[in-house]
Amino acid sequence: MSYESSLVISVESIDFDPRERRSNSRKAIRVRARITLEGEILFLADTIDLSQGGLSITSKQPLNLEQQCNVELATDVPGIAKPPVLQAAVVYCARMQEGAYRIGLRFTFVSVEAEALILAVLS
C-alpha cells in the first residue's frame, strides 16, 4: 500500500450550519490520511474537513464507534520527515453507499508540532 506524504488536494473555508454540535470552526481539506491501530495500517482514507478538535474522512472501511486510532495526515511542509500522528476516537461512522463510509474523528491527543500545523491550515 503506497502512501503519498505530499499530496494536498485542496483547502477551502466553509460556512456550516451554526446549529451543529461542533465547538471548533473547520475547513474543507482534501489530503490522504493513513489510519493505523497499534502500528498496523488499517487503511488509507481521504479527509473531508479539519478543525482543531477533529476531522472527518471518507473510507472504504468502517470503524467502530469510540474506536481509538492514529491518523497520519499527508503534509506538504518541507523539513518534516514524517507526517505528525494524531490520536483520535470515532464519534460517528455513516455508510454513504456500498463500500463507502464517512467517519467523524475527535482528536484525543495532538502533539505541539501537529497542533501548529493544524492551526496554520485553519488560519
PDB file of N, CA and C in Angstrom:
ATOM      1  N   MET A   1       0.849  -1.169   0.000  1.00  0.00           N
ATOM      2  CA  MET A   1       0.000   0.000   0.000  1.00  0.00           C
ATOM      3  C   MET A   1       0.900   1.240   0.000  1.00  0.00           C
ATOM      4  N   SER A   2       0.780   2.080  -0.989  1.00  0.00           N
ATOM      5  CA  SER A   2       1.625   3.273  -1.042  1.00  0.00           C
ATOM      6  C   SER A   2       0.944   4.431  -0.342  1.00  0.00           C
ATOM      7  N   TYR A   3       1.760   5.337   0.140  1.00  0.00           N
ATOM      8  CA  TYR A   3       1.258   6.491   0.873  1.00  0.00           C
ATOM      9  C   TYR A   3       2.011   7.694   0.379  1.00  0.00           C
ATOM     10  N   GLU A   4       1.323   8.633  -0.214  1.00  0.00           N
ATOM     11  CA  GLU A   4       1.963   9.827  -0.739  1.00  0.00           C
ATOM     12  C   GLU A   4       1.922  10.899   0.321  1.00  0.00           C
ATOM     13  N   SER A   5       3.103  11.240   0.872  1.00  0.00           N
ATOM     14  CA  SER A   5       3.137  12.161   2.005  1.00  0.00           C
ATOM     15  C   SER A   5       3.090  13.621   1.593  1.00  0.00           C
ATOM     16  N   SER A   6       3.010  13.916   0.312  1.00  0.00           N
ATOM     17  CA  SER A   6       2.961  15.325  -0.075  1.00  0.00           C
ATOM     18  C   SER A   6       1.718  15.655  -0.894  1.00  0.00           C
ATOM     19  N   LEU A   7       0.701  14.825  -0.809  1.00  0.00           N
ATOM     20  CA  LEU A   7      -0.497  15.043  -1.613  1.00  0.00           C
ATOM     21  C   LEU A   7      -1.501  15.894  -0.857  1.00  0.00           C
ATOM     22  N   VAL A   8      -1.616  17.156  -1.248  1.00  0.00           N
ATOM     23  CA  VAL A   8      -2.643  18.042  -0.720  1.00  0.00           C
ATOM     24  C   VAL A   8      -3.508  18.430  -1.905  1.00  0.00           C
ATOM     25  N   ILE A   9      -4.752  18.060  -1.863  1.00  0.00           N
ATOM     26  CA  ILE A   9      -5.629  18.300  -2.999  1.00  0.00           C
ATOM     27  C   ILE A   9      -6.222  19.697  -2.945  1.00  0.00           C
ATOM     28  N   SER A  10      -6.810  20.097  -1.803  1.00  0.00           N
ATOM     29  CA  SER A  10      -7.349  21.454  -1.690  1.00  0.00           C
ATOM     30  C   SER A  10      -7.652  21.790  -0.244  1.00  0.00           C
ATOM     31  N   VAL A  11      -7.655  23.076   0.035  1.00  0.00           N
ATOM     32  CA  VAL A  11      -8.040  23.595   1.346  1.00  0.00           C
ATOM     33  C   VAL A  11      -8.926  24.805   1.089  1.00  0.00           C
ATOM     34  N   GLU A  12     -10.111  24.832   1.698  1.00  0.00           N
ATOM     35  CA  GLU A  12     -11.005  25.968   1.500  1.00  0.00           C
ATOM     36  C   GLU A  12     -11.876  26.173   2.731  1.00  0.00           C
ATOM     37  N   SER A  13     -12.279  27.414   2.958  1.00  0.00           N
ATOM     38  CA  SER A  13     -13.166  27.726   4.076  1.00  0.00           C
ATOM     39  C   SER A  13     -14.587  27.320   3.729  1.00  0.00           C
ATOM     40  N   ILE A  14     -15.322  26.891   4.747  1.00  0.00           N
ATOM     41  CA  ILE A  14     -16.712  26.506   4.549  1.00  0.00           C
ATOM     42  C   ILE A  14     -17.530  27.082   5.687  1.00  0.00           C
ATOM     43  N   ASP A  15     -18.699  27.612   5.382  1.00  0.00           N
ATOM     44  CA  ASP A  15     -19.624  28.039   6.420  1.00  0.00           C
ATOM     45  C   ASP A  15     -20.635  26.919   6.601  1.00  0.00           C
ATOM     46  N   PHE A  16     -20.693  26.377   7.820  1.00  0.00           N
ATOM     47  CA  PHE A  16     -21.625  25.305   8.119  1.00  0.00           C
ATOM     48  C   PHE A  16     -22.757  25.824   8.982  1.00  0.00           C
ATOM     49  N   ASP A  17     -23.806  25.069   9.070  1.00  0.00           N
ATOM     50  CA  ASP A  17     -24.964  25.409   9.882  1.00  0.00           C
ATOM     51  C   ASP A  17     -24.531  25.630  11.330  1.00  0.00           C
ATOM     52  N   PRO A  18     -24.798  26.801  11.912  1.00  0.00           N
ATOM     53  CA  PRO A  18     -24.360  27.096  13.277  1.00  0.00           C
ATOM     54  C   PRO A  18     -25.025  26.223  14.337  1.00  0.00           C
ATOM     55  N   ARG A  19     -26.075  25.489  13.979  1.00  0.00           N
ATOM     56  CA  ARG A  19     -26.747  24.629  14.956  1.00  0.00           C
ATOM     57  C   ARG A  19     -26.021  23.315  15.167  1.00  0.00           C
ATOM     58  N   GLU A  20     -24.964  23.058  14.400  1.00  0.00           N
ATOM     59  CA  GLU A  20     -24.221  21.824  14.574  1.00  0.00           C
ATOM     60  C   GLU A  20     -23.588  21.773  15.956  1.00  0.00           C
ATOM     61  N   ARG A  21     -23.224  20.562  16.390  1.00  0.00           N
ATOM     62  CA  ARG A  21     -22.675  20.365  17.722  1.00  0.00           C
ATOM     63  C   ARG A  21     -21.200  20.722  17.827  1.00  0.00           C
ATOM     64  N   ARG A  22     -20.540  21.012  16.754  1.00  0.00           N
ATOM     65  CA  ARG A  22     -19.109  21.285  16.791  1.00  0.00           C
ATOM     66  C   ARG A  22     -18.808  22.551  17.577  1.00  0.00           C
ATOM     67  N   SER A  23     -17.710  22.480  18.340  1.00  0.00           N
ATOM     68  CA  SER A  23     -17.307  23.653  19.110  1.00  0.00           C
ATOM     69  C   SER A  23     -16.143  24.381  18.452  1.00  0.00           C
ATOM     70  N   ASN A  24     -15.577  23.809  17.399  1.00  0.00           N
ATOM     71  CA  ASN A  24     -14.455  24.425  16.690  1.00  0.00           C
ATOM     72  C   ASN A  24     -14.825  24.689  15.238  1.00  0.00           C
ATOM     73  N   SER A  25     -14.315  25.803  14.687  1.00  0.00           N
ATOM     74  CA  SER A  25     -14.548  26.059  13.272  1.00  0.00           C
ATOM     75  C   SER A  25     -13.742  25.053  12.457  1.00  0.00           C
ATOM     76  N   ARG A  26     -14.176  24.796  11.250  1.00  0.00           N
ATOM     77  CA  ARG A  26     -13.494  23.803  10.422  1.00  0.00           C
ATOM     78  C   ARG A  26     -13.325  24.309   9.003  1.00  0.00           C
ATOM     79  N   LYS A  27     -12.409  23.675   8.307  1.00  0.00           N
ATOM     80  CA  LYS A  27     -12.160  23.982   6.905  1.00  0.00           C
ATOM     81  C   LYS A  27     -12.187  22.684   6.115  1.00  0.00           C
ATOM     82  N   ALA A  28     -12.696  22.795   4.904  1.00  0.00           N
ATOM     83  CA  ALA A  28     -12.623  21.655   3.994  1.00  0.00           C
ATOM     84  C   ALA A  28     -11.163  21.475   3.627  1.00  0.00           C
ATOM     85  N   ILE A  29     -10.686  20.258   3.726  1.00  0.00           N
ATOM     86  CA  ILE A  29      -9.306  19.961   3.363  1.00  0.00           C
ATOM     87  C   ILE A  29      -9.274  18.567   2.757  1.00  0.00           C
ATOM     88  N   ARG A  30      -8.643  18.457   1.627  1.00  0.00           N
ATOM     89  CA  ARG A  30      -8.582  17.180   0.916  1.00  0.00           C
ATOM     90  C   ARG A  30      -7.133  16.702   0.894  1.00  0.00           C
ATOM     91  N   VAL A  31      -6.816  15.769   1.787  1.00  0.00           N
ATOM     92  CA  VAL A  31      -5.493  15.144   1.814  1.00  0.00           C
ATOM     93  C   VAL A  31      -5.675  13.655   2.068  1.00  0.00           C
ATOM     94  N   ARG A  32      -4.643  12.890   1.788  1.00  0.00           N
ATOM     95  CA  ARG A  32      -4.661  11.467   2.110  1.00  0.00           C
ATOM     96  C   ARG A  32      -4.353  11.327   3.588  1.00  0.00           C
ATOM     97  N   ALA A  33      -4.964  10.349   4.206  1.00  0.00           N
ATOM     98  CA  ALA A  33      -4.725  10.059   5.616  1.00  0.00           C
ATOM     99  C   ALA A  33      -4.503   8.558   5.773  1.00  0.00           C
ATOM    100  N   ARG A  34      -3.522   8.226   6.582  1.00  0.00           N
ATOM    101  CA  ARG A  34      -3.268   6.819   6.892  1.00  0.00           C
ATOM    102  C   ARG A  34      -3.854   6.564   8.280  1.00  0.00           C
ATOM    103  N   ILE A  35      -4.756   5.598   8.377  1.00  0.00           N
ATOM    104  CA  ILE A  35      -5.384   5.245   9.645  1.00  0.00           C
ATOM    105  C   ILE A  35      -4.683   3.988  10.157  1.00  0.00           C
ATOM    106  N   THR A  36      -4.131   4.096  11.374  1.00  0.00           N
ATOM    107  CA  THR A  36      -3.394   2.970  11.945  1.00  0.00           C
ATOM    108  C   THR A  36      -3.932   2.634  13.334  1.00  0.00           C
ATOM    109  N   LEU A  37      -3.683   1.417  13.743  1.00  0.00           N
ATOM    110  CA  LEU A  37      -4.045   0.942  15.070  1.00  0.00           C
ATOM    111  C   LEU A  37      -2.903   0.079  15.562  1.00  0.00           C
ATOM    112  N   GLU A  38      -2.289   0.493  16.663  1.00  0.00           N
ATOM    113  CA  GLU A  38      -1.165  -0.235  17.256  1.00  0.00           C
ATOM    114  C   GLU A  38      -0.067  -0.499  16.223  1.00  0.00           C
ATOM    115  N   GLY A  39       0.233   0.514  15.420  1.00  0.00           N
ATOM    116  CA  GLY A  39       1.310   0.422  14.450  1.00  0.00           C
ATOM    117  C   GLY A  39       0.970  -0.275  13.148  1.00  0.00           C
ATOM    118  N   GLU A  40      -0.177  -0.882  13.059  1.00  0.00           N
ATOM    119  CA  GLU A  40      -0.601  -1.570  11.843  1.00  0.00           C
ATOM    120  C   GLU A  40      -1.501  -0.656  11.016  1.00  0.00           C
ATOM    121  N   ILE A  41      -1.224  -0.566   9.722  1.00  0.00           N
ATOM    122  CA  ILE A  41      -2.064   0.251   8.845  1.00  0.00           C
ATOM    123  C   ILE A  41      -3.402  -0.451   8.648  1.00  0.00           C
ATOM    124  N   LEU A  42      -4.475   0.240   9.015  1.00  0.00           N
ATOM    125  CA  LEU A  42      -5.805  -0.303   8.782  1.00  0.00           C
ATOM    126  C   LEU A  42      -6.255  -0.021   7.358  1.00  0.00           C
ATOM    127  N   PHE A  43      -6.106   1.264   6.940  1.00  0.00           N
ATOM    128  CA  PHE A  43      -6.491   1.650   5.587  1.00  0.00           C
ATOM    129  C   PHE A  43      -6.055   3.074   5.316  1.00  0.00           C
ATOM    130  N   LEU A  44      -6.123   3.449   4.039  1.00  0.00           N
ATOM    131  CA  LEU A  44      -5.923   4.837   3.626  1.00  0.00           C
ATOM    132  C   LEU A  44      -7.300   5.458   3.431  1.00  0.00           C
ATOM    133  N   ALA A  45      -7.397   6.742   3.730  1.00  0.00           N
ATOM    134  CA  ALA A  45      -8.673   7.449   3.624  1.00  0.00           C
ATOM    135  C   ALA A  45      -8.428   8.825   3.027  1.00  0.00           C
ATOM    136  N   ASP A  46      -9.504   9.516   2.711  1.00  0.00           N
ATOM    137  CA  ASP A  46      -9.441  10.896   2.229  1.00  0.00           C
ATOM    138  C   ASP A  46     -10.134  11.787   3.241  1.00  0.00           C
ATOM    139  N   THR A  47      -9.502  12.901   3.585  1.00  0.00           N
ATOM    140  CA  THR A  47     -10.128  13.818   4.527  1.00  0.00           C
ATOM    141  C   THR A  47     -11.205  14.634   3.827  1.00  0.00           C
ATOM    142  N   ILE A  48     -12.177  15.081   4.619  1.00  0.00           N
ATOM    143  CA  ILE A  48     -13.243  15.950   4.133  1.00  0.00           C
ATOM    144  C   ILE A  48     -13.063  17.334   4.729  1.00  0.00           C
ATOM    145  N   ASP A  49     -12.947  17.377   6.047  1.00  0.00           N
ATOM    146  CA  ASP A  49     -12.729  18.649   6.719  1.00  0.00           C
ATOM    147  C   ASP A  49     -11.905  18.441   7.982  1.00  0.00           C
ATOM    148  N   LEU A  50     -11.391  19.563   8.500  1.00  0.00           N
ATOM    149  CA  LEU A  50     -10.480  19.544   9.635  1.00  0.00           C
ATOM    150  C   LEU A  50     -10.818  20.705  10.563  1.00  0.00           C
ATOM    151  N   SER A  51     -10.745  20.458  11.859  1.00  0.00           N
ATOM    152  CA  SER A  51     -10.877  21.514  12.860  1.00  0.00           C
ATOM    153  C   SER A  51      -9.818  21.263  13.921  1.00  0.00           C
ATOM    154  N   GLN A  52      -9.724  22.153  14.879  1.00  0.00           N
ATOM    155  CA  GLN A  52      -8.777  21.969  15.962  1.00  0.00           C
ATOM    156  C   GLN A  52      -9.139  20.751  16.801  1.00  0.00           C
ATOM    157  N   GLY A  53     -10.402  20.377  16.795  1.00  0.00           N
ATOM    158  CA  GLY A  53     -10.864  19.270  17.630  1.00  0.00           C
ATOM    159  C   GLY A  53     -10.986  17.932  16.942  1.00  0.00           C
ATOM    160  N   GLY A  54     -10.905  17.901  15.600  1.00  0.00           N
ATOM    161  CA  GLY A  54     -11.049  16.620  14.916  1.00  0.00           C
ATOM    162  C   GLY A  54     -11.122  16.779  13.414  1.00  0.00           C
ATOM    163  N   LEU A  55     -11.516  15.699  12.740  1.00  0.00           N
ATOM    164  CA  LEU A  55     -11.650  15.722  11.293  1.00  0.00           C
ATOM    165  C   LEU A  55     -12.654  14.680  10.856  1.00  0.00           C
ATOM    166  N   SER A  56     -13.090  14.789   9.623  1.00  0.00           N
ATOM    167  CA  SER A  56     -13.920  13.745   9.036  1.00  0.00           C
ATOM    168  C   SER A  56     -13.226  13.223   7.802  1.00  0.00           C
ATOM    169  N   ILE A  57     -13.445  11.932   7.548  1.00  0.00           N
ATOM    170  CA  ILE A  57     -12.798  11.243   6.437  1.00  0.00           C
ATOM    171  C   ILE A  57     -13.819  10.413   5.683  1.00  0.00           C
ATOM    172  N   THR A  58     -13.460  10.036   4.469  1.00  0.00           N
ATOM    173  CA  THR A  58     -14.218   9.014   3.750  1.00  0.00           C
ATOM    174  C   THR A  58     -13.308   7.810   3.597  1.00  0.00           C
ATOM    175  N   SER A  59     -13.923   6.647   3.653  1.00  0.00           N
ATOM    176  CA  SER A  59     -13.161   5.410   3.653  1.00  0.00           C
ATOM    177  C   SER A  59     -13.970   4.296   3.014  1.00  0.00           C
ATOM    178  N   LYS A  60     -13.282   3.278   2.546  1.00  0.00           N
ATOM    179  CA  LYS A  60     -13.951   2.080   2.037  1.00  0.00           C
ATOM    180  C   LYS A  60     -14.249   1.106   3.167  1.00  0.00           C
ATOM    181  N   GLN A  61     -13.695   1.381   4.350  1.00  0.00           N
ATOM    182  CA  GLN A  61     -13.892   0.514   5.503  1.00  0.00           C
ATOM    183  C   GLN A  61     -14.487   1.304   6.663  1.00  0.00           C
ATOM    184  N   PRO A  62     -15.365   0.676   7.445  1.00  0.00           N
ATOM    185  CA  PRO A  62     -15.933   1.353   8.610  1.00  0.00           C
ATOM    186  C   PRO A  62     -15.010   1.230   9.825  1.00  0.00           C
ATOM    187  N   LEU A  63     -15.252   2.075  10.804  1.00  0.00           N
ATOM    188  CA  LEU A  63     -14.622   1.957  12.116  1.00  0.00           C
ATOM    189  C   LEU A  63     -15.746   1.922  13.147  1.00  0.00           C
ATOM    190  N   ASN A  64     -15.495   1.314  14.286  1.00  0.00           N
ATOM    191  CA  ASN A  64     -16.488   1.210  15.347  1.00  0.00           C
ATOM    192  C   ASN A  64     -16.577   2.506  16.143  1.00  0.00           C
ATOM    193  N   LEU A  65     -17.763   2.835  16.611  1.00  0.00           N
ATOM    194  CA  LEU A  65     -17.985   3.998  17.454  1.00  0.00           C
ATOM    195  C   LEU A  65     -17.070   3.925  18.671  1.00  0.00           C
ATOM    196  N   GLU A  66     -16.411   5.030  18.989  1.00  0.00           N
ATOM    197  CA  GLU A  66     -15.466   5.174  20.108  1.00  0.00           C
ATOM    198  C   GLU A  66     -14.155   4.407  19.913  1.00  0.00           C
ATOM    199  N   GLN A  67     -13.969   3.777  18.750  1.00  0.00           N
ATOM    200  CA  GLN A  67     -12.700   3.086  18.485  1.00  0.00           C
ATOM    201  C   GLN A  67     -11.568   4.104  18.466  1.00  0.00           C
ATOM    202  N   GLN A  68     -10.467   3.767  19.101  1.00  0.00           N
ATOM    203  CA  GLN A  68      -9.278   4.614  19.128  1.00  0.00           C
ATOM    204  C   GLN A  68      -8.399   4.250  17.936  1.00  0.00           C
ATOM    205  N   CYS A  69      -7.799   5.255  17.299  1.00  0.00           N
ATOM    206  CA  CYS A  69      -6.902   5.000  16.183  1.00  0.00           C
ATOM    207  C   CYS A  69      -5.915   6.151  16.074  1.00  0.00           C
ATOM    208  N   ASN A  70      -4.926   5.975  15.248  1.00  0.00           N
ATOM    209  CA  ASN A  70      -3.973   7.035  14.937  1.00  0.00           C
ATOM    210  C   ASN A  70      -4.213   7.479  13.511  1.00  0.00           C
ATOM    211  N   VAL A  71      -4.024   8.771  13.271  1.00  0.00           N
ATOM    212  CA  VAL A  71      -4.229   9.349  11.942  1.00  0.00           C
ATOM    213  C   VAL A  71      -2.950  10.071  11.545  1.00  0.00           C
ATOM    214  N   GLU A  72      -2.420   9.724  10.381  1.00  0.00           N
ATOM    215  CA  GLU A  72      -1.277  10.446   9.814  1.00  0.00           C
ATOM    216  C   GLU A  72      -1.780  11.189   8.593  1.00  0.00           C
ATOM    217  N   LEU A  73      -1.730  12.514   8.656  1.00  0.00           N
ATOM    218  CA  LEU A  73      -2.154  13.330   7.521  1.00  0.00           C
ATOM    219  C   LEU A  73      -0.973  13.571   6.605  1.00  0.00           C
ATOM    220  N   ALA A  74      -1.198  13.483   5.307  1.00  0.00           N
ATOM    221  CA  ALA A  74      -0.159  13.825   4.339  1.00  0.00           C
ATOM    222  C   ALA A  74       0.164  15.298   4.499  1.00  0.00           C
ATOM    223  N   THR A  75       1.444  15.622   4.509  1.00  0.00           N
ATOM    224  CA  THR A  75       1.838  17.022   4.667  1.00  0.00           C
ATOM    225  C   THR A  75       2.678  17.453   3.489  1.00  0.00           C
ATOM    226  N   ASP A  76       2.744  18.742   3.318  1.00  0.00           N
ATOM    227  CA  ASP A  76       3.451  19.349   2.209  1.00  0.00           C
ATOM    228  C   ASP A  76       4.513  20.303   2.749  1.00  0.00           C
ATOM    229  N   VAL A  77       4.856  20.158   4.035  1.00  0.00           N
ATOM    230  CA  VAL A  77       5.726  21.100   4.703  1.00  0.00           C
ATOM    231  C   VAL A  77       7.178  20.611   4.626  1.00  0.00           C
ATOM    232  N   PRO A  78       8.078  21.409   4.022  1.00  0.00           N
ATOM    233  CA  PRO A  78       9.473  20.997   3.942  1.00  0.00           C
ATOM    234  C   PRO A  78      10.085  20.833   5.328  1.00  0.00           C
ATOM    235  N   GLY A  79      10.993  19.875   5.448  1.00  0.00           N
ATOM    236  CA  GLY A  79      11.690  19.670   6.702  1.00  0.00           C
ATOM    237  C   GLY A  79      11.017  18.680   7.627  1.00  0.00           C
ATOM    238  N   ILE A  80       9.834  18.218   7.291  1.00  0.00           N
ATOM    239  CA  ILE A  80       9.167  17.221   8.122  1.00  0.00           C
ATOM    240  C   ILE A  80       9.386  15.868   7.472  1.00  0.00           C
ATOM    241  N   ALA A  81      10.126  15.019   8.177  1.00  0.00           N
ATOM    242  CA  ALA A  81      10.454  13.712   7.631  1.00  0.00           C
ATOM    243  C   ALA A  81       9.252  12.784   7.627  1.00  0.00           C
ATOM    244  N   LYS A  82       8.412  12.929   8.625  1.00  0.00           N
ATOM    245  CA  LYS A  82       7.273  12.034   8.758  1.00  0.00           C
ATOM    246  C   LYS A  82       6.052  12.866   9.137  1.00  0.00           C
ATOM    247  N   PRO A  83       4.891  12.548   8.580  1.00  0.00           N
ATOM    248  CA  PRO A  83       3.686  13.301   8.959  1.00  0.00           C
ATOM    249  C   PRO A  83       3.411  13.149  10.450  1.00  0.00           C
ATOM    250  N   PRO A  84       2.899  14.204  11.092  1.00  0.00           N
ATOM    251  CA  PRO A  84       2.580  14.089  12.511  1.00  0.00           C
ATOM    252  C   PRO A  84       1.449  13.086  12.721  1.00  0.00           C
ATOM    253  N   VAL A  85       1.521  12.365  13.827  1.00  0.00           N
ATOM    254  CA  VAL A  85       0.489  11.389  14.153  1.00  0.00           C
ATOM    255  C   VAL A  85      -0.482  12.010  15.143  1.00  0.00           C
ATOM    256  N   LEU A  86      -1.756  11.893  14.850  1.00  0.00           N
ATOM    257  CA  LEU A  86      -2.825  12.400  15.700  1.00  0.00           C
ATOM    258  C   LEU A  86      -3.561  11.202  16.285  1.00  0.00           C
ATOM    259  N   GLN A  87      -3.819  11.221  17.564  1.00  0.00           N
ATOM    260  CA  GLN A  87      -4.623  10.168  18.167  1.00  0.00           C
ATOM    261  C   GLN A  87      -6.067  10.640  18.174  1.00  0.00           C
ATOM    262  N   ALA A  88      -6.978   9.720  17.822  1.00  0.00           N
ATOM    263  CA  ALA A  88      -8.379  10.119  17.677  1.00  0.00           C
ATOM    264  C   ALA A  88      -9.315   8.987  18.093  1.00  0.00           C
ATOM    265  N   ALA A  89     -10.564   9.375  18.360  1.00  0.00           N
ATOM    266  CA  ALA A  89     -11.630   8.422  18.659  1.00  0.00           C
ATOM    267  C   ALA A  89     -12.771   8.651  17.679  1.00  0.00           C
ATOM    268  N   VAL A  90     -13.405   7.588  17.262  1.00  0.00           N
ATOM    269  CA  VAL A  90     -14.512   7.667  16.308  1.00  0.00           C
ATOM    270  C   VAL A  90     -15.759   8.185  17.019  1.00  0.00           C
ATOM    271  N   VAL A  91     -16.355   9.259  16.481  1.00  0.00           N
ATOM    272  CA  VAL A  91     -17.602   9.800  17.041  1.00  0.00           C
ATOM    273  C   VAL A  91     -18.821   9.444  16.188  1.00  0.00           C
ATOM    274  N   TYR A  92     -18.593   9.146  14.913  1.00  0.00           N
ATOM    275  CA  TYR A  92     -19.667   8.603  14.087  1.00  0.00           C
ATOM    276  C   TYR A  92     -19.065   7.877  12.892  1.00  0.00           C
ATOM    277  N   CYS A  93     -19.822   6.940  12.369  1.00  0.00           N
ATOM    278  CA  CYS A  93     -19.447   6.235  11.148  1.00  0.00           C
ATOM    279  C   CYS A  93     -20.736   5.973  10.384  1.00  0.00           C
ATOM    280  N   ALA A  94     -20.896   6.658   9.265  1.00  0.00           N
ATOM    281  CA  ALA A  94     -22.132   6.562   8.487  1.00  0.00           C
ATOM    282  C   ALA A  94     -21.841   5.948   7.122  1.00  0.00           C
ATOM    283  N   ARG A  95     -22.610   4.958   6.768  1.00  0.00           N
ATOM    284  CA  ARG A  95     -22.472   4.346   5.446  1.00  0.00           C
ATOM    285  C   ARG A  95     -23.112   5.262   4.431  1.00  0.00           C
ATOM    286  N   MET A  96     -22.326   5.690   3.432  1.00  0.00           N
ATOM    287  CA  MET A  96     -22.850   6.574   2.392  1.00  0.00           C
ATOM    288  C   MET A  96     -23.437   5.763   1.250  1.00  0.00           C
ATOM    289  N   GLN A  97     -22.786   4.673   0.940  1.00  0.00           N
ATOM    290  CA  GLN A  97     -23.219   3.739  -0.098  1.00  0.00           C
ATOM    291  C   GLN A  97     -22.428   2.463   0.110  1.00  0.00           C
ATOM    292  N   GLU A  98     -22.684   1.467  -0.699  1.00  0.00           N
ATOM    293  CA  GLU A  98     -21.970   0.203  -0.575  1.00  0.00           C
ATOM    294  C   GLU A  98     -20.460   0.446  -0.676  1.00  0.00           C
ATOM    295  N   GLY A  99     -19.728   0.084   0.371  1.00  0.00           N
ATOM    296  CA  GLY A  99     -18.271   0.210   0.352  1.00  0.00           C
ATOM    297  C   GLY A  99     -17.744   1.623   0.521  1.00  0.00           C
ATOM    298  N   ALA A 100     -18.561   2.545   1.041  1.00  0.00           N
ATOM    299  CA  ALA A 100     -18.123   3.927   1.257  1.00  0.00           C
ATOM    300  C   ALA A 100     -18.706   4.438   2.570  1.00  0.00           C
ATOM    301  N   TYR A 101     -17.824   4.942   3.432  1.00  0.00           N
ATOM    302  CA  TYR A 101     -18.228   5.406   4.754  1.00  0.00           C
ATOM    303  C   TYR A 101     -17.687   6.801   5.020  1.00  0.00           C
ATOM    304  N   ARG A 102     -18.455   7.583   5.761  1.00  0.00           N
ATOM    305  CA  ARG A 102     -17.975   8.870   6.263  1.00  0.00           C
ATOM    306  C   ARG A 102     -17.786   8.687   7.758  1.00  0.00           C
ATOM    307  N   ILE A 103     -16.584   9.029   8.226  1.00  0.00           N
ATOM    308  CA  ILE A 103     -16.217   8.782   9.615  1.00  0.00           C
ATOM    309  C   ILE A 103     -15.799  10.094  10.268  1.00  0.00           C
ATOM    310  N   GLY A 104     -16.389  10.386  11.419  1.00  0.00           N
ATOM    311  CA  GLY A 104     -16.016  11.557  12.195  1.00  0.00           C
ATOM    312  C   GLY A 104     -15.068  11.150  13.311  1.00  0.00           C
ATOM    313  N   LEU A 105     -13.949  11.858  13.419  1.00  0.00           N
ATOM    314  CA  LEU A 105     -12.934  11.551  14.427  1.00  0.00           C
ATOM    315  C   LEU A 105     -12.690  12.762  15.315  1.00  0.00           C
ATOM    316  N   ARG A 106     -12.663  12.540  16.615  1.00  0.00           N
ATOM    317  CA  ARG A 106     -12.346  13.587  17.600  1.00  0.00           C
ATOM    318  C   ARG A 106     -10.927  13.333  18.093  1.00  0.00           C
ATOM    319  N   PHE A 107     -10.085  14.357  18.033  1.00  0.00           N
ATOM    320  CA  PHE A 107      -8.710  14.195  18.488  1.00  0.00           C
ATOM    321  C   PHE A 107      -8.683  13.949  19.990  1.00  0.00           C
ATOM    322  N   THR A 108      -7.891  12.963  20.409  1.00  0.00           N
ATOM    323  CA  THR A 108      -7.714  12.683  21.830  1.00  0.00           C
ATOM    324  C   THR A 108      -6.309  13.074  22.285  1.00  0.00           C
ATOM    325  N   PHE A 109      -5.381  13.174  21.343  1.00  0.00           N
ATOM    326  CA  PHE A 109      -4.030  13.679  21.634  1.00  0.00           C
ATOM    327  C   PHE A 109      -3.462  14.283  20.359  1.00  0.00           C
ATOM    328  N   VAL A 110      -2.914  15.488  20.492  1.00  0.00           N
ATOM    329  CA  VAL A 110      -2.277  16.174  19.370  1.00  0.00           C
ATOM    330  C   VAL A 110      -0.956  16.732  19.881  1.00  0.00           C
ATOM    331  N   SER A 111       0.146  16.390  19.219  1.00  0.00           N
ATOM    332  CA  SER A 111       1.448  16.915  19.629  1.00  0.00           C
ATOM    333  C   SER A 111       1.515  18.416  19.358  1.00  0.00           C
ATOM    334  N   VAL A 112       2.477  19.070  19.970  1.00  0.00           N
ATOM    335  CA  VAL A 112       2.668  20.505  19.768  1.00  0.00           C
ATOM    336  C   VAL A 112       2.917  20.795  18.290  1.00  0.00           C
ATOM    337  N   GLU A 113       3.731  19.960  17.641  1.00  0.00           N
ATOM    338  CA  GLU A 113       4.040  20.152  16.220  1.00  0.00           C
ATOM    339  C   GLU A 113       2.789  19.993  15.354  1.00  0.00           C
ATOM    340  N   ALA A 114       2.000  18.964  15.652  1.00  0.00           N
ATOM    341  CA  ALA A 114       0.782  18.732  14.877  1.00  0.00           C
ATOM    342  C   ALA A 114      -0.220  19.864  15.088  1.00  0.00           C
ATOM    343  N   GLU A 115      -0.327  20.349  16.323  1.00  0.00           N
ATOM    344  CA  GLU A 115      -1.244  21.455  16.598  1.00  0.00           C
ATOM    345  C   GLU A 115      -0.846  22.704  15.821  1.00  0.00           C
ATOM    346  N   ALA A 116       0.457  22.965  15.729  1.00  0.00           N
ATOM    347  CA  ALA A 116       0.929  24.127  14.961  1.00  0.00           C
ATOM    348  C   ALA A 116       0.557  23.989  13.491  1.00  0.00           C
ATOM    349  N   LEU A 117       0.684  22.781  12.937  1.00  0.00           N
ATOM    350  CA  LEU A 117       0.309  22.553  11.536  1.00  0.00           C
ATOM    351  C   LEU A 117      -1.197  22.741  11.330  1.00  0.00           C
ATOM    352  N   ILE A 118      -1.984  22.219  12.250  1.00  0.00           N
ATOM    353  CA  ILE A 118      -3.438  22.352  12.144  1.00  0.00           C
ATOM    354  C   ILE A 118      -3.846  23.826  12.193  1.00  0.00           C
ATOM    355  N   LEU A 119      -3.277  24.557  13.129  1.00  0.00           N
ATOM    356  CA  LEU A 119      -3.603  25.982  13.246  1.00  0.00           C
ATOM    357  C   LEU A 119      -3.183  26.752  11.985  1.00  0.00           C
ATOM    358  N   ALA A 120      -2.037  26.380  11.403  1.00  0.00           N
ATOM    359  CA  ALA A 120      -1.581  27.041  10.185  1.00  0.00           C
ATOM    360  C   ALA A 120      -2.564  26.791   9.036  1.00  0.00           C
ATOM    361  N   VAL A 121      -3.067  25.575   8.933  1.00  0.00           N
ATOM    362  CA  VAL A 121      -4.037  25.242   7.882  1.00  0.00           C
ATOM    363  C   VAL A 121      -5.342  25.992   8.104  1.00  0.00           C
ATOM    364  N   LEU A 122      -5.770  26.093   9.357  1.00  0.00           N
ATOM    365  CA  LEU A 122      -7.051  26.710   9.666  1.00  0.00           C
ATOM    366  C   LEU A 122      -7.035  28.240   9.595  1.00  0.00           C
ATOM    367  N   SER A 123      -5.840  28.844   9.677  1.00  0.00           N
ATOM    368  CA  SER A 123      -5.790  30.310   9.672  1.00  0.00           C
ATOM    369  C   SER A 123      -5.772  30.894   8.279  1.00  0.00           C
TER     370      SER A 123
END
